[in-house]
Amino acid sequence: MKNLFLLSVLVCFSSAIGQSKVPSAESQIKTALYACPETFQDGAKILGYNQKGELITLREGNNGMVCLADNPDKDRISVSCYSDKLEVYMARGRELLAEGKTEMEKREARKIEIDAGTLVMPKEPAAVYVVTATQEDLDFETGELKNSKIRYVLYKPYMSAAETGLPTQPALPGMPWLMEADTHRSHIMITPPAEKQ
């Protein structure tokens, strides 16, 4: 009986080890495109993860939109799409984190580089679309996503409340506001109100 129990445990353990926590490329692409406006979906470049957890290009693009699949190491589902004018900024952030920098060290390093002109940012606000959900909302096999929430972000360094005419704190539901005003990370946030259940 004891041997039968040990065998059961080993079989379950082997099954768990054999299962990948990284979805297929097709599944990642489908999930990532939830954050992409429909007009850009066919030509968007998709970045995602291989079975080793390394970030790779899953699909080349041709229309100036880059989509980033969900990071399988994170607890919550988060996918984003953004103007390729922001890719240097986004890639630099990923690079700094991979080097072991903390979030604050990453911010400071990018600030120094933006101010020095070595990290080039768009001269006009560039869009980012972010979709979030819980793990339970994702169908791992198909990439289908339920109950997701979206927010829209427009990045441009050193935007001010006076320049944009926007408040620097959230106000009415869905109203645009300026986050981190007067900094290298300033961005306009637009979060549609949650739908009533």
Protein backbone atom coordinates (compact mmCIF):
# COMPACT_ATOMS: atom_id res chain seq x y z
CA MET A 1 0.00 0.00 0.00
CA LYS A 2 2.84 2.34 0.90
CA ASN A 3 4.54 1.65 -2.45
CA LEU A 4 1.29 2.36 -4.29
CA PHE A 5 0.99 5.72 -2.51
CA LEU A 6 4.59 6.67 -3.38
CA LEU A 7 4.00 5.67 -6.99
CA SER A 8 0.90 7.91 -7.13
CA VAL A 9 2.84 10.83 -5.71
CA LEU A 10 5.65 10.34 -8.24
CA VAL A 11 3.21 10.16 -11.15
CA CYS A 12 1.48 13.39 -10.05
CA PHE A 13 4.84 15.09 -9.51
CA SER A 14 6.09 13.99 -12.94
CA SER A 15 2.90 15.26 -14.57
CA ALA A 16 3.27 18.63 -12.86
CA ILE A 17 6.91 18.89 -13.96
CA GLY A 18 5.98 17.97 -17.54
CA GLN A 19 3.41 20.74 -17.80
CA SER A 20 4.71 24.06 -19.04
CA LYS A 21 3.55 27.25 -17.42
CA VAL A 22 4.27 29.10 -20.66
CA PRO A 23 1.33 29.00 -23.11
CA SER A 24 1.89 28.16 -26.77
CA ALA A 25 2.90 30.98 -29.14
CA GLU A 26 -0.60 30.93 -30.65
CA SER A 27 -2.21 31.26 -27.23
CA GLN A 28 0.13 34.12 -26.23
CA ILE A 29 -0.54 35.97 -29.48
CA LYS A 30 -4.30 35.71 -29.02
CA THR A 31 -4.13 36.99 -25.44
CA ALA A 32 -1.72 39.82 -26.30
CA LEU A 33 -4.03 41.07 -29.04
CA TYR A 34 -6.78 41.78 -26.50
CA ALA A 35 -4.83 44.98 -25.80
CA CYS A 36 -4.52 45.94 -29.46
CA PRO A 37 -6.99 48.17 -31.31
CA GLU A 38 -8.66 46.15 -34.05
CA THR A 39 -7.23 48.29 -36.86
CA PHE A 40 -3.67 47.34 -35.80
CA GLN A 41 -4.15 43.66 -34.94
CA ASP A 42 -3.19 42.05 -38.26
CA GLY A 43 0.15 43.84 -38.54
CA ALA A 44 1.21 44.19 -34.89
CA LYS A 45 4.54 42.77 -33.80
CA ILE A 46 4.12 40.31 -30.90
CA LEU A 47 6.73 39.73 -28.21
CA GLY A 48 6.25 36.72 -25.96
CA TYR A 49 8.02 33.92 -24.14
CA ASN A 50 9.61 30.64 -25.16
CA GLN A 51 9.49 27.54 -22.96
CA LYS A 52 12.65 28.70 -21.15
CA GLY A 53 10.87 31.91 -20.17
CA GLU A 54 12.99 34.08 -22.46
CA LEU A 55 11.39 37.04 -24.22
CA ILE A 56 11.38 36.49 -27.99
CA THR A 57 9.59 37.75 -31.09
CA LEU A 58 6.59 35.49 -31.67
CA ARG A 59 5.45 37.37 -34.78
CA GLU A 60 7.01 40.13 -36.84
CA GLY A 61 4.96 43.27 -37.46
CA ASN A 62 4.64 45.97 -40.08
CA ASN A 63 2.38 48.73 -38.74
CA GLY A 64 4.21 50.42 -35.88
CA MET A 65 2.41 48.57 -33.07
CA VAL A 66 4.20 46.27 -30.61
CA CYS A 67 2.29 43.89 -28.34
CA LEU A 68 3.78 42.25 -25.26
CA ALA A 69 2.36 38.91 -24.10
CA ASP A 70 1.73 38.11 -20.46
CA ASN A 71 4.81 37.39 -18.34
CA PRO A 72 4.28 33.83 -17.05
CA ASP A 73 6.26 34.63 -13.88
CA LYS A 74 3.68 37.17 -12.73
CA ASP A 75 0.60 36.29 -10.68
CA ARG A 76 -1.81 38.52 -12.59
CA ILE A 77 -2.47 38.54 -16.33
CA SER A 78 -1.24 41.72 -17.98
CA VAL A 79 -0.77 42.27 -21.71
CA SER A 80 0.01 45.52 -23.47
CA CYS A 81 0.36 47.02 -26.92
CA TYR A 82 2.15 50.26 -27.66
CA SER A 83 3.53 52.48 -30.38
CA ASP A 84 6.91 51.27 -31.60
CA LYS A 85 8.17 54.78 -30.79
CA LEU A 86 8.13 53.59 -27.18
CA GLU A 87 9.93 50.29 -27.79
CA VAL A 88 13.37 51.68 -26.94
CA TYR A 89 11.99 52.96 -23.61
CA MET A 90 10.17 49.70 -22.85
CA ALA A 91 13.10 47.51 -23.90
CA ARG A 92 15.49 49.54 -21.75
CA GLY A 93 13.25 48.99 -18.74
CA ARG A 94 13.22 45.22 -19.33
CA GLU A 95 16.98 45.26 -19.79
CA LEU A 96 17.58 47.08 -16.50
CA LEU A 97 15.30 44.69 -14.60
CA ALA A 98 17.15 41.72 -16.15
CA GLU A 99 20.39 43.24 -14.82
CA GLY A 100 18.91 43.00 -11.32
CA LYS A 101 18.00 46.67 -10.90
CA THR A 102 15.11 47.49 -8.58
CA GLU A 103 12.08 49.35 -9.92
CA MET A 104 13.42 52.61 -8.44
CA GLU A 105 16.90 52.05 -9.90
CA LYS A 106 15.31 51.36 -13.29
CA ARG A 107 13.36 54.63 -13.11
CA GLU A 108 16.43 56.63 -12.12
CA ALA A 109 18.58 55.08 -14.88
CA ARG A 110 15.99 55.85 -17.54
CA LYS A 111 15.58 59.40 -16.22
CA ILE A 112 19.32 60.02 -16.54
CA GLU A 113 19.35 58.59 -20.07
CA ILE A 114 16.26 60.54 -21.20
CA ASP A 115 17.65 63.79 -19.80
CA ALA A 116 20.99 63.12 -21.52
CA GLY A 117 19.24 62.40 -24.82
CA THR A 118 20.70 58.88 -25.05
CA LEU A 119 17.27 57.28 -24.53
CA VAL A 120 15.09 58.88 -27.17
CA MET A 121 11.42 59.44 -26.36
CA PRO A 122 8.60 60.50 -28.70
CA LYS A 123 8.12 64.24 -29.16
CA GLU A 124 4.33 63.74 -29.21
CA PRO A 125 2.31 61.56 -26.82
CA ALA A 126 2.54 57.87 -27.80
CA ALA A 127 -0.14 55.35 -26.90
CA VAL A 128 -0.01 52.29 -24.67
CA TYR A 129 -2.98 49.95 -24.23
CA VAL A 130 -2.98 47.67 -21.17
CA VAL A 131 -5.36 44.79 -20.46
CA THR A 132 -5.37 43.04 -17.08
CA ALA A 133 -7.23 40.04 -15.68
CA THR A 134 -6.84 37.29 -13.09
CA GLN A 135 -5.25 33.93 -13.86
CA GLU A 136 -8.70 32.36 -13.54
CA ASP A 137 -9.91 34.54 -16.44
CA LEU A 138 -7.38 33.06 -18.89
CA ASP A 139 -7.88 29.87 -20.88
CA PHE A 140 -4.26 28.66 -20.95
CA GLU A 141 -4.73 26.50 -24.05
CA THR A 142 -6.71 28.85 -26.30
CA GLY A 143 -5.64 32.29 -25.07
CA GLU A 144 -9.26 33.34 -24.52
CA LEU A 145 -9.61 36.01 -21.85
CA LYS A 146 -12.73 36.83 -19.82
CA ASN A 147 -13.58 39.67 -17.43
CA SER A 148 -10.59 41.75 -18.48
CA LYS A 149 -10.10 45.46 -17.86
CA ILE A 150 -8.41 47.94 -20.16
CA ARG A 151 -6.70 51.26 -19.62
CA TYR A 152 -5.22 53.71 -22.09
CA VAL A 153 -1.97 55.56 -21.47
CA LEU A 154 -0.26 58.34 -23.45
CA TYR A 155 3.45 58.77 -22.69
CA LYS A 156 5.50 61.90 -23.21
CA PRO A 157 8.21 63.12 -20.81
CA TYR A 158 7.71 66.23 -18.70
CA MET A 159 4.07 66.95 -19.49
CA SER A 160 2.54 69.38 -17.01
CA ALA A 161 -0.98 70.06 -15.78
CA ALA A 162 -0.73 73.57 -17.24
CA GLU A 163 0.36 72.24 -20.65
CA THR A 164 -2.29 69.51 -20.88
CA GLY A 165 -5.16 71.07 -18.90
CA LEU A 166 -5.49 67.78 -17.01
CA PRO A 167 -5.79 67.14 -13.27
CA THR A 168 -2.91 65.31 -11.62
CA GLN A 169 -5.19 63.00 -9.62
CA PRO A 170 -8.02 60.72 -10.78
CA ALA A 171 -11.38 62.49 -10.72
CA LEU A 172 -14.58 61.29 -12.36
CA PRO A 173 -14.68 57.66 -13.58
CA GLY A 174 -13.14 57.44 -17.04
CA MET A 175 -11.86 61.03 -16.99
CA PRO A 176 -8.28 61.48 -18.30
CA TRP A 177 -5.70 62.60 -15.76
CA LEU A 178 -1.95 63.25 -15.77
CA MET A 179 0.13 60.83 -13.72
CA GLU A 180 3.66 61.71 -12.60
CA ALA A 181 3.36 65.20 -14.03
CA ASP A 182 6.59 67.14 -14.68
CA THR A 183 8.72 63.97 -14.65
CA HIS A 184 10.40 61.85 -17.32
CA ARG A 185 7.62 59.28 -16.75
CA SER A 186 4.65 61.63 -17.18
CA HIS A 187 1.68 59.96 -18.84
CA ILE A 188 -2.01 60.57 -19.40
CA MET A 189 -4.16 57.84 -17.84
CA ILE A 190 -7.63 56.94 -19.13
CA THR A 191 -9.37 54.09 -17.31
CA PRO A 192 -12.90 53.37 -18.51
CA PRO A 193 -15.35 52.87 -15.64
CA ALA A 194 -16.04 49.27 -14.71
CA GLU A 195 -19.16 47.83 -16.26
CA LYS A 196 -21.98 47.20 -13.82
CA GLN A 197 -22.64 43.48 -13.32
